[in-house]
Amino acid sequence: TSHMQAAAMVARGNGDVSLGSQRVAVQVPEIDF
């Protein structure tokens, strides 16, 4: 339900890919954008 939750779920392995903003991606080092 948010960019941050989507990024965190990918980081935790709950999915392989999601869509979202670059701003949030830089806050989650465990993913690539």
PDB file of all heavy atoms in Angstrom:
ATOM      1  N   THR A   1       0.804  -1.217   0.000  1.00  0.00           N
ATOM      2  CA  THR A   1       0.000   0.000   0.000  1.00  0.00           C
ATOM      3  C   THR A   1       0.845   1.280   0.000  1.00  0.00           C
ATOM      4  O   THR A   1       0.304   2.363   0.175  1.00  0.00           O
ATOM      5  CB  THR A   1      -0.945   0.027   1.215  1.00  0.00           C
ATOM      6  OG1 THR A   1      -0.165  -0.088   2.420  1.00  0.00           O
ATOM      7  CG2 THR A   1      -1.939  -1.123   1.148  1.00  0.00           C
ATOM      8  N   SER A   2       2.152   1.146  -0.200  1.00  0.00           N
ATOM      9  CA  SER A   2       3.012   2.327  -0.307  1.00  0.00           C
ATOM     10  C   SER A   2       4.283   1.943  -1.055  1.00  0.00           C
ATOM     11  O   SER A   2       4.617   0.761  -1.181  1.00  0.00           O
ATOM     12  CB  SER A   2       3.368   2.878   1.073  1.00  0.00           C
ATOM     13  OG  SER A   2       4.233   1.988   1.752  1.00  0.00           O
ATOM     14  N   HIS A   3       5.016   2.966  -1.528  1.00  0.00           N
ATOM     15  CA  HIS A   3       6.304   2.714  -2.170  1.00  0.00           C
ATOM     16  C   HIS A   3       7.253   2.004  -1.208  1.00  0.00           C
ATOM     17  O   HIS A   3       7.937   1.045  -1.583  1.00  0.00           O
ATOM     18  CB  HIS A   3       6.945   4.041  -2.613  1.00  0.00           C
ATOM     19  CG  HIS A   3       6.202   4.770  -3.683  1.00  0.00           C
ATOM     20  ND1 HIS A   3       6.235   4.382  -5.002  1.00  0.00           N
ATOM     21  CD2 HIS A   3       5.434   5.875  -3.641  1.00  0.00           C
ATOM     22  CE1 HIS A   3       5.503   5.217  -5.722  1.00  0.00           C
ATOM     23  NE2 HIS A   3       4.998   6.126  -4.912  1.00  0.00           N
ATOM     24  N   MET A   4       7.300   2.487   0.040  1.00  0.00           N
ATOM     25  CA  MET A   4       8.237   1.918   1.006  1.00  0.00           C
ATOM     26  C   MET A   4       7.909   0.461   1.309  1.00  0.00           C
ATOM     27  O   MET A   4       8.811  -0.385   1.395  1.00  0.00           O
ATOM     28  CB  MET A   4       8.212   2.742   2.295  1.00  0.00           C
ATOM     29  CG  MET A   4       9.181   2.244   3.364  1.00  0.00           C
ATOM     30  SD  MET A   4      10.911   2.213   2.800  1.00  0.00           S
ATOM     31  CE  MET A   4      11.283   3.969   2.814  1.00  0.00           C
ATOM     32  N   GLN A   5       6.638   0.143   1.488  1.00  0.00           N
ATOM     33  CA  GLN A   5       6.270  -1.244   1.747  1.00  0.00           C
ATOM     34  C   GLN A   5       6.625  -2.132   0.562  1.00  0.00           C
ATOM     35  O   GLN A   5       7.110  -3.248   0.739  1.00  0.00           O
ATOM     36  CB  GLN A   5       4.782  -1.363   2.063  1.00  0.00           C
ATOM     37  CG  GLN A   5       4.375  -2.779   2.470  1.00  0.00           C
ATOM     38  CD  GLN A   5       2.883  -2.942   2.687  1.00  0.00           C
ATOM     39  OE1 GLN A   5       2.084  -2.074   2.339  1.00  0.00           O
ATOM     40  NE2 GLN A   5       2.483  -4.054   3.260  1.00  0.00           N
ATOM     41  N   ALA A   6       6.402  -1.633  -0.644  1.00  0.00           N
ATOM     42  CA  ALA A   6       6.736  -2.413  -1.843  1.00  0.00           C
ATOM     43  C   ALA A   6       8.228  -2.692  -1.908  1.00  0.00           C
ATOM     44  O   ALA A   6       8.664  -3.819  -2.180  1.00  0.00           O
ATOM     45  CB  ALA A   6       6.275  -1.662  -3.090  1.00  0.00           C
ATOM     46  N   ALA A   7       9.036  -1.668  -1.645  1.00  0.00           N
ATOM     47  CA  ALA A   7      10.488  -1.837  -1.677  1.00  0.00           C
ATOM     48  C   ALA A   7      10.945  -2.812  -0.598  1.00  0.00           C
ATOM     49  O   ALA A   7      11.817  -3.671  -0.838  1.00  0.00           O
ATOM     50  CB  ALA A   7      11.168  -0.484  -1.501  1.00  0.00           C
ATOM     51  N   ALA A   8      10.355  -2.701   0.588  1.00  0.00           N
ATOM     52  CA  ALA A   8      10.731  -3.582   1.695  1.00  0.00           C
ATOM     53  C   ALA A   8      10.364  -5.031   1.398  1.00  0.00           C
ATOM     54  O   ALA A   8      11.112  -5.954   1.751  1.00  0.00           O
ATOM     55  CB  ALA A   8      10.054  -3.116   2.976  1.00  0.00           C
ATOM     56  N   MET A   9       9.232  -5.247   0.757  1.00  0.00           N
ATOM     57  CA  MET A   9       8.820  -6.607   0.429  1.00  0.00           C
ATOM     58  C   MET A   9       9.776  -7.249  -0.567  1.00  0.00           C
ATOM     59  O   MET A   9      10.116  -8.432  -0.453  1.00  0.00           O
ATOM     60  CB  MET A   9       7.385  -6.607  -0.109  1.00  0.00           C
ATOM     61  CG  MET A   9       6.339  -6.337   0.967  1.00  0.00           C
ATOM     62  SD  MET A   9       4.635  -6.242   0.336  1.00  0.00           S
ATOM     63  CE  MET A   9       4.347  -7.957  -0.156  1.00  0.00           C
ATOM     64  N   VAL A  10      10.244  -6.477  -1.544  1.00  0.00           N
ATOM     65  CA  VAL A  10      11.238  -7.002  -2.493  1.00  0.00           C
ATOM     66  C   VAL A  10      12.539  -7.292  -1.754  1.00  0.00           C
ATOM     67  O   VAL A  10      13.182  -8.330  -1.966  1.00  0.00           O
ATOM     68  CB  VAL A  10      11.468  -6.020  -3.652  1.00  0.00           C
ATOM     69  CG1 VAL A  10      12.629  -6.490  -4.529  1.00  0.00           C
ATOM     70  CG2 VAL A  10      10.197  -5.872  -4.482  1.00  0.00           C
ATOM     71  N   ALA A  11      12.948  -6.392  -0.852  1.00  0.00           N
ATOM     72  CA  ALA A  11      14.181  -6.576  -0.097  1.00  0.00           C
ATOM     73  C   ALA A  11      14.132  -7.834   0.757  1.00  0.00           C
ATOM     74  O   ALA A  11      15.150  -8.514   0.933  1.00  0.00           O
ATOM     75  CB  ALA A  11      14.440  -5.353   0.772  1.00  0.00           C
ATOM     76  N   ARG A  12      12.930  -8.142   1.294  1.00  0.00           N
ATOM     77  CA  ARG A  12      12.779  -9.323   2.163  1.00  0.00           C
ATOM     78  C   ARG A  12      12.571 -10.618   1.378  1.00  0.00           C
ATOM     79  O   ARG A  12      12.484 -11.689   1.968  1.00  0.00           O
ATOM     80  CB  ARG A  12      11.594  -9.118   3.112  1.00  0.00           C
ATOM     81  CG  ARG A  12      11.784  -8.044   4.161  1.00  0.00           C
ATOM     82  CD  ARG A  12      10.735  -8.181   5.265  1.00  0.00           C
ATOM     83  NE  ARG A  12       9.382  -8.100   4.723  1.00  0.00           N
ATOM     84  CZ  ARG A  12       8.653  -6.996   4.690  1.00  0.00           C
ATOM     85  NH1 ARG A  12       9.156  -5.867   5.168  1.00  0.00           N
ATOM     86  NH2 ARG A  12       7.433  -6.999   4.195  1.00  0.00           N
ATOM     87  N   GLY A  13      12.451 -10.521   0.067  1.00  0.00           N
ATOM     88  CA  GLY A  13      12.238 -11.718  -0.731  1.00  0.00           C
ATOM     89  C   GLY A  13      10.787 -12.111  -0.877  1.00  0.00           C
ATOM     90  O   GLY A  13      10.483 -13.232  -1.302  1.00  0.00           O
ATOM     91  N   ASN A  14       9.863 -11.201  -0.530  1.00  0.00           N
ATOM     92  CA  ASN A  14       8.435 -11.490  -0.706  1.00  0.00           C
ATOM     93  C   ASN A  14       7.978 -11.261  -2.145  1.00  0.00           C
ATOM     94  O   ASN A  14       6.792 -11.410  -2.449  1.00  0.00           O
ATOM     95  CB  ASN A  14       7.602 -10.609   0.230  1.00  0.00           C
ATOM     96  CG  ASN A  14       7.914 -10.846   1.692  1.00  0.00           C
ATOM     97  OD1 ASN A  14       8.203  -9.919   2.430  1.00  0.00           O
ATOM     98  ND2 ASN A  14       7.894 -12.105   2.118  1.00  0.00           N
ATOM     99  N   GLY A  15       8.887 -10.904  -2.991  1.00  0.00           N
ATOM    100  CA  GLY A  15       8.618 -10.714  -4.411  1.00  0.00           C
ATOM    101  C   GLY A  15       9.920 -10.409  -5.110  1.00  0.00           C
ATOM    102  O   GLY A  15      10.932 -10.056  -4.470  1.00  0.00           O
ATOM    103  N   ASP A  16       9.922 -10.567  -6.432  1.00  0.00           N
ATOM    104  CA  ASP A  16      11.136 -10.306  -7.211  1.00  0.00           C
ATOM    105  C   ASP A  16      11.206  -8.880  -7.726  1.00  0.00           C
ATOM    106  O   ASP A  16      12.298  -8.363  -7.994  1.00  0.00           O
ATOM    107  CB  ASP A  16      11.200 -11.261  -8.420  1.00  0.00           C
ATOM    108  CG  ASP A  16      11.214 -12.713  -8.009  1.00  0.00           C
ATOM    109  OD1 ASP A  16      12.052 -13.082  -7.170  1.00  0.00           O
ATOM    110  OD2 ASP A  16      10.369 -13.487  -8.530  1.00  0.00           O
ATOM    111  N   VAL A  17      10.038  -8.247  -7.869  1.00  0.00           N
ATOM    112  CA  VAL A  17      10.012  -6.939  -8.528  1.00  0.00           C
ATOM    113  C   VAL A  17       8.764  -6.172  -8.102  1.00  0.00           C
ATOM    114  O   VAL A  17       7.726  -6.753  -7.792  1.00  0.00           O
ATOM    115  CB  VAL A  17      10.036  -7.113 -10.068  1.00  0.00           C
ATOM    116  CG1 VAL A  17       8.833  -7.922 -10.542  1.00  0.00           C
ATOM    117  CG2 VAL A  17      10.098  -5.778 -10.789  1.00  0.00           C
ATOM    118  N   SER A  18       8.897  -4.856  -8.063  1.00  0.00           N
ATOM    119  CA  SER A  18       7.761  -3.981  -7.848  1.00  0.00           C
ATOM    120  C   SER A  18       8.036  -2.675  -8.574  1.00  0.00           C
ATOM    121  O   SER A  18       9.102  -2.495  -9.165  1.00  0.00           O
ATOM    122  CB  SER A  18       7.515  -3.738  -6.352  1.00  0.00           C
ATOM    123  OG  SER A  18       6.282  -3.065  -6.150  1.00  0.00           O
ATOM    124  N   LEU A  19       7.076  -1.772  -8.548  1.00  0.00           N
ATOM    125  CA  LEU A  19       7.243  -0.467  -9.166  1.00  0.00           C
ATOM    126  C   LEU A  19       7.119   0.612  -8.102  1.00  0.00           C
ATOM    127  O   LEU A  19       6.308   0.499  -7.184  1.00  0.00           O
ATOM    128  CB  LEU A  19       6.184  -0.226 -10.250  1.00  0.00           C
ATOM    129  CG  LEU A  19       6.401  -0.910 -11.605  1.00  0.00           C
ATOM    130  CD1 LEU A  19       5.948  -2.358 -11.540  1.00  0.00           C
ATOM    131  CD2 LEU A  19       5.634  -0.177 -12.701  1.00  0.00           C
ATOM    132  N   GLY A  20       7.923   1.673  -8.236  1.00  0.00           N
ATOM    133  CA  GLY A  20       7.857   2.756  -7.272  1.00  0.00           C
ATOM    134  C   GLY A  20       8.812   3.870  -7.623  1.00  0.00           C
ATOM    135  O   GLY A  20       9.423   3.883  -8.694  1.00  0.00           O
ATOM    136  N   SER A  21       8.966   4.805  -6.706  1.00  0.00           N
ATOM    137  CA  SER A  21       9.760   5.995  -6.964  1.00  0.00           C
ATOM    138  C   SER A  21      11.219   5.790  -6.589  1.00  0.00           C
ATOM    139  O   SER A  21      11.554   4.996  -5.702  1.00  0.00           O
ATOM    140  CB  SER A  21       9.198   7.193  -6.188  1.00  0.00           C
ATOM    141  OG  SER A  21       9.433   7.038  -4.801  1.00  0.00           O
ATOM    142  N   GLN A  22      12.073   6.537  -7.252  1.00  0.00           N
ATOM    143  CA  GLN A  22      13.509   6.486  -6.980  1.00  0.00           C
ATOM    144  C   GLN A  22      13.821   6.958  -5.562  1.00  0.00           C
ATOM    145  O   GLN A  22      14.723   6.447  -4.915  1.00  0.00           O
ATOM    146  CB  GLN A  22      14.253   7.344  -7.994  1.00  0.00           C
ATOM    147  CG  GLN A  22      15.765   7.317  -7.848  1.00  0.00           C
ATOM    148  CD  GLN A  22      16.459   8.142  -8.909  1.00  0.00           C
ATOM    149  OE1 GLN A  22      15.823   8.679  -9.815  1.00  0.00           O
ATOM    150  NE2 GLN A  22      17.767   8.266  -8.803  1.00  0.00           N
ATOM    151  N   ARG A  23      13.046   7.944  -5.079  1.00  0.00           N
ATOM    152  CA  ARG A  23      13.311   8.489  -3.741  1.00  0.00           C
ATOM    153  C   ARG A  23      13.314   7.402  -2.683  1.00  0.00           C
ATOM    154  O   ARG A  23      14.172   7.371  -1.794  1.00  0.00           O
ATOM    155  CB  ARG A  23      12.266   9.545  -3.388  1.00  0.00           C
ATOM    156  CG  ARG A  23      12.457  10.148  -1.989  1.00  0.00           C
ATOM    157  CD  ARG A  23      11.333  11.074  -1.611  1.00  0.00           C
ATOM    158  NE  ARG A  23      10.082  10.376  -1.398  1.00  0.00           N
ATOM    159  CZ  ARG A  23       9.745   9.755  -0.273  1.00  0.00           C
ATOM    160  NH1 ARG A  23      10.598   9.717   0.743  1.00  0.00           N
ATOM    161  NH2 ARG A  23       8.581   9.157  -0.147  1.00  0.00           N
ATOM    162  N   VAL A  24      12.341   6.486  -2.762  1.00  0.00           N
ATOM    163  CA  VAL A  24      12.254   5.417  -1.781  1.00  0.00           C
ATOM    164  C   VAL A  24      13.352   4.377  -2.009  1.00  0.00           C
ATOM    165  O   VAL A  24      13.918   3.838  -1.051  1.00  0.00           O
ATOM    166  CB  VAL A  24      10.866   4.757  -1.828  1.00  0.00           C
ATOM    167  CG1 VAL A  24      10.840   3.453  -1.029  1.00  0.00           C
ATOM    168  CG2 VAL A  24       9.809   5.722  -1.295  1.00  0.00           C
ATOM    169  N   ALA A  25      13.674   4.117  -3.265  1.00  0.00           N
ATOM    170  CA  ALA A  25      14.667   3.094  -3.580  1.00  0.00           C
ATOM    171  C   ALA A  25      16.016   3.384  -2.931  1.00  0.00           C
ATOM    172  O   ALA A  25      16.704   2.471  -2.463  1.00  0.00           O
ATOM    173  CB  ALA A  25      14.829   2.966  -5.097  1.00  0.00           C
ATOM    174  N   VAL A  26      16.408   4.655  -2.879  1.00  0.00           N
ATOM    175  CA  VAL A  26      17.714   4.993  -2.298  1.00  0.00           C
ATOM    176  C   VAL A  26      17.736   4.777  -0.790  1.00  0.00           C
ATOM    177  O   VAL A  26      18.809   4.728  -0.179  1.00  0.00           O
ATOM    178  CB  VAL A  26      18.110   6.447  -2.628  1.00  0.00           C
ATOM    179  CG1 VAL A  26      18.201   6.655  -4.126  1.00  0.00           C
ATOM    180  CG2 VAL A  26      17.130   7.453  -2.016  1.00  0.00           C
ATOM    181  N   GLN A  27      16.562   4.624  -0.184  1.00  0.00           N
ATOM    182  CA  GLN A  27      16.485   4.386   1.256  1.00  0.00           C
ATOM    183  C   GLN A  27      16.524   2.904   1.603  1.00  0.00           C
ATOM    184  O   GLN A  27      16.568   2.549   2.790  1.00  0.00           O
ATOM    185  CB  GLN A  27      15.200   5.008   1.816  1.00  0.00           C
ATOM    186  CG  GLN A  27      15.094   6.514   1.602  1.00  0.00           C
ATOM    187  CD  GLN A  27      13.760   7.049   2.098  1.00  0.00           C
ATOM    188  OE1 GLN A  27      13.371   6.851   3.250  1.00  0.00           O
ATOM    189  NE2 GLN A  27      13.034   7.729   1.236  1.00  0.00           N
ATOM    190  N   VAL A  28      16.479   2.055   0.586  1.00  0.00           N
ATOM    191  CA  VAL A  28      16.476   0.599   0.814  1.00  0.00           C
ATOM    192  C   VAL A  28      17.662   0.005   0.057  1.00  0.00           C
ATOM    193  O   VAL A  28      17.545  -0.377  -1.106  1.00  0.00           O
ATOM    194  CB  VAL A  28      15.149  -0.034   0.333  1.00  0.00           C
ATOM    195  CG1 VAL A  28      15.095  -1.513   0.693  1.00  0.00           C
ATOM    196  CG2 VAL A  28      13.951   0.689   0.939  1.00  0.00           C
ATOM    197  N   PRO A  29      18.822  -0.075   0.703  1.00  0.00           N
ATOM    198  CA  PRO A  29      20.038  -0.517  -0.002  1.00  0.00           C
ATOM    199  C   PRO A  29      20.006  -1.965  -0.468  1.00  0.00           C
ATOM    200  O   PRO A  29      20.835  -2.361  -1.297  1.00  0.00           O
ATOM    201  CB  PRO A  29      21.142  -0.292   1.048  1.00  0.00           C
ATOM    202  CG  PRO A  29      20.433  -0.284   2.372  1.00  0.00           C
ATOM    203  CD  PRO A  29      19.085   0.289   2.099  1.00  0.00           C
ATOM    204  N   GLU A  30      19.044  -2.743   0.023  1.00  0.00           N
ATOM    205  CA  GLU A  30      18.995  -4.169  -0.348  1.00  0.00           C
ATOM    206  C   GLU A  30      18.347  -4.393  -1.709  1.00  0.00           C
ATOM    207  O   GLU A  30      18.214  -5.542  -2.142  1.00  0.00           O
ATOM    208  CB  GLU A  30      18.230  -4.966   0.711  1.00  0.00           C
ATOM    209  CG  GLU A  30      18.852  -4.950   2.094  1.00  0.00           C
ATOM    210  CD  GLU A  30      18.459  -3.728   2.917  1.00  0.00           C
ATOM    211  OE1 GLU A  30      17.677  -2.900   2.415  1.00  0.00           O
ATOM    212  OE2 GLU A  30      18.940  -3.605   4.058  1.00  0.00           O
ATOM    213  N   ILE A  31      17.930  -3.336  -2.394  1.00  0.00           N
ATOM    214  CA  ILE A  31      17.332  -3.492  -3.717  1.00  0.00           C
ATOM    215  C   ILE A  31      18.070  -2.635  -4.732  1.00  0.00           C
ATOM    216  O   ILE A  31      18.834  -1.735  -4.368  1.00  0.00           O
ATOM    217  CB  ILE A  31      15.836  -3.094  -3.724  1.00  0.00           C
ATOM    218  CG1 ILE A  31      15.676  -1.591  -3.418  1.00  0.00           C
ATOM    219  CG2 ILE A  31      15.044  -3.946  -2.744  1.00  0.00           C
ATOM    220  CD1 ILE A  31      14.262  -1.072  -3.603  1.00  0.00           C
ATOM    221  N   ASP A  32      17.850  -2.923  -6.012  1.00  0.00           N
ATOM    222  CA  ASP A  32      18.331  -2.084  -7.109  1.00  0.00           C
ATOM    223  C   ASP A  32      17.137  -1.386  -7.740  1.00  0.00           C
ATOM    224  O   ASP A  32      16.001  -1.874  -7.660  1.00  0.00           O
ATOM    225  CB  ASP A  32      19.070  -2.914  -8.168  1.00  0.00           C
ATOM    226  CG  ASP A  32      20.461  -3.347  -7.693  1.00  0.00           C
ATOM    227  OD1 ASP A  32      21.001  -2.674  -6.781  1.00  0.00           O
ATOM    228  OD2 ASP A  32      20.982  -4.347  -8.216  1.00  0.00           O
ATOM    229  N   PHE A  33      17.401  -0.271  -8.378  1.00  0.00           N
ATOM    230  CA  PHE A  33      16.351   0.524  -9.015  1.00  0.00           C
ATOM    231  C   PHE A  33      16.639   0.623 -10.509  1.00  0.00           C
ATOM    232  O   PHE A  33      17.735   1.001 -10.915  1.00  0.00           O
ATOM    233  CB  PHE A  33      16.305   1.923  -8.397  1.00  0.00           C
ATOM    234  CG  PHE A  33      15.250   2.824  -8.990  1.00  0.00           C
ATOM    235  CD1 PHE A  33      13.908   2.644  -8.680  1.00  0.00           C
ATOM    236  CD2 PHE A  33      15.603   3.848  -9.858  1.00  0.00           C
ATOM    237  CE1 PHE A  33      12.934   3.473  -9.224  1.00  0.00           C
ATOM    238  CE2 PHE A  33      14.642   4.691 -10.393  1.00  0.00           C
ATOM    239  CZ  PHE A  33      13.307   4.501 -10.078  1.00  0.00           C
TER     240      PHE A  33
END
